[in-house]
Amino acid sequence: MEELMELLSAIKPEIDFETEKELIDDGLLESFDVITLIAEIEDQFGIEVPAEEIVPENFNSAGGIWALLERLKGEE
């Protein structure tokens, strides 16, 4: 999780990812941010994020993103 938090902070340092729970719904992460985040996740964690997983629920919080990563790692 620490690695993910570092990645998120590098992309949007002005956001407190530990407390924010509505990153997409509140417009804190925009579509370009999500695309950048997905590319970084795929590079850093060595997993592919399928298009059907790119939904607001999976990217609204650091916890949601981490749960997505854990689920995708388990499917490999």
Protein backbone atom coordinates (compact mmCIF):
# COMPACT_ATOMS: atom_id res chain seq x y z
CA MET A 1 0.00 0.00 0.00
CA GLU A 2 2.91 2.36 0.74
CA GLU A 3 4.15 1.99 -2.83
CA LEU A 4 0.68 2.94 -4.12
CA MET A 5 0.49 5.98 -1.82
CA GLU A 6 3.87 7.19 -3.11
CA LEU A 7 2.68 6.76 -6.69
CA LEU A 8 -0.55 8.67 -5.99
CA SER A 9 1.32 11.49 -4.25
CA ALA A 10 3.70 11.79 -7.18
CA ILE A 11 0.78 12.21 -9.58
CA LYS A 12 -1.30 14.63 -7.46
CA PRO A 13 0.76 15.87 -4.47
CA GLU A 14 -1.93 18.37 -3.41
CA ILE A 15 -4.42 15.59 -2.53
CA ASP A 16 -4.49 13.82 0.85
CA PHE A 17 -5.04 10.29 -0.41
CA GLU A 18 -5.22 8.91 3.12
CA THR A 19 -8.46 10.76 3.89
CA GLU A 20 -10.15 11.43 0.54
CA LYS A 21 -12.88 8.91 -0.30
CA GLU A 22 -14.50 10.61 -3.32
CA LEU A 23 -11.55 11.22 -5.66
CA ILE A 24 -13.60 10.74 -8.83
CA ASP A 25 -16.99 11.93 -7.55
CA ASP A 26 -15.51 15.19 -6.22
CA GLY A 27 -13.49 15.79 -9.40
CA LEU A 28 -10.13 15.54 -7.62
CA LEU A 29 -8.96 12.96 -10.17
CA GLU A 30 -9.89 13.70 -13.76
CA SER A 31 -9.83 11.32 -16.71
CA PHE A 32 -6.24 12.19 -17.67
CA ASP A 33 -5.14 11.58 -14.06
CA VAL A 34 -6.81 8.15 -14.09
CA ILE A 35 -5.14 7.24 -17.40
CA THR A 36 -1.77 8.33 -16.00
CA LEU A 37 -2.42 6.38 -12.80
CA ILE A 38 -3.36 3.22 -14.72
CA ALA A 39 -0.19 3.44 -16.83
CA GLU A 40 1.93 3.87 -13.69
CA ILE A 41 0.16 1.00 -11.90
CA GLU A 42 0.70 -1.30 -14.88
CA ASP A 43 4.41 -0.39 -15.01
CA GLN A 44 5.11 -0.42 -11.30
CA PHE A 45 3.02 -3.42 -10.26
CA GLY A 46 3.33 -5.46 -13.46
CA ILE A 47 -0.41 -5.99 -13.87
CA GLU A 48 -2.86 -5.02 -16.58
CA VAL A 49 -5.99 -3.06 -15.69
CA PRO A 50 -8.80 -4.26 -17.99
CA ALA A 51 -11.14 -1.63 -19.45
CA GLU A 52 -14.13 -3.02 -17.55
CA GLU A 53 -12.34 -2.28 -14.25
CA ILE A 54 -11.96 1.43 -15.08
CA VAL A 55 -15.03 2.56 -13.16
CA PRO A 56 -15.37 5.28 -10.49
CA GLU A 57 -15.85 2.76 -7.65
CA ASN A 58 -12.34 1.39 -8.24
CA PHE A 59 -10.68 4.83 -8.26
CA ASN A 60 -12.63 6.89 -5.69
CA SER A 61 -10.13 6.23 -2.89
CA ALA A 62 -6.68 4.83 -2.28
CA GLY A 63 -8.37 1.87 -0.56
CA GLY A 64 -10.50 1.22 -3.64
CA ILE A 65 -7.44 1.35 -5.89
CA TRP A 66 -5.55 -0.98 -3.56
CA ALA A 67 -8.48 -3.45 -3.52
CA LEU A 68 -8.47 -3.40 -7.33
CA LEU A 69 -4.72 -4.12 -7.40
CA GLU A 70 -5.07 -6.98 -4.93
CA ARG A 71 -7.94 -8.47 -6.94
CA LEU A 72 -6.05 -8.18 -10.24
CA LYS A 73 -2.90 -9.68 -8.71
CA GLY A 74 -4.97 -12.63 -7.52
CA GLU A 75 -6.31 -13.24 -11.04
CA GLU A 76 -2.86 -13.67 -12.59
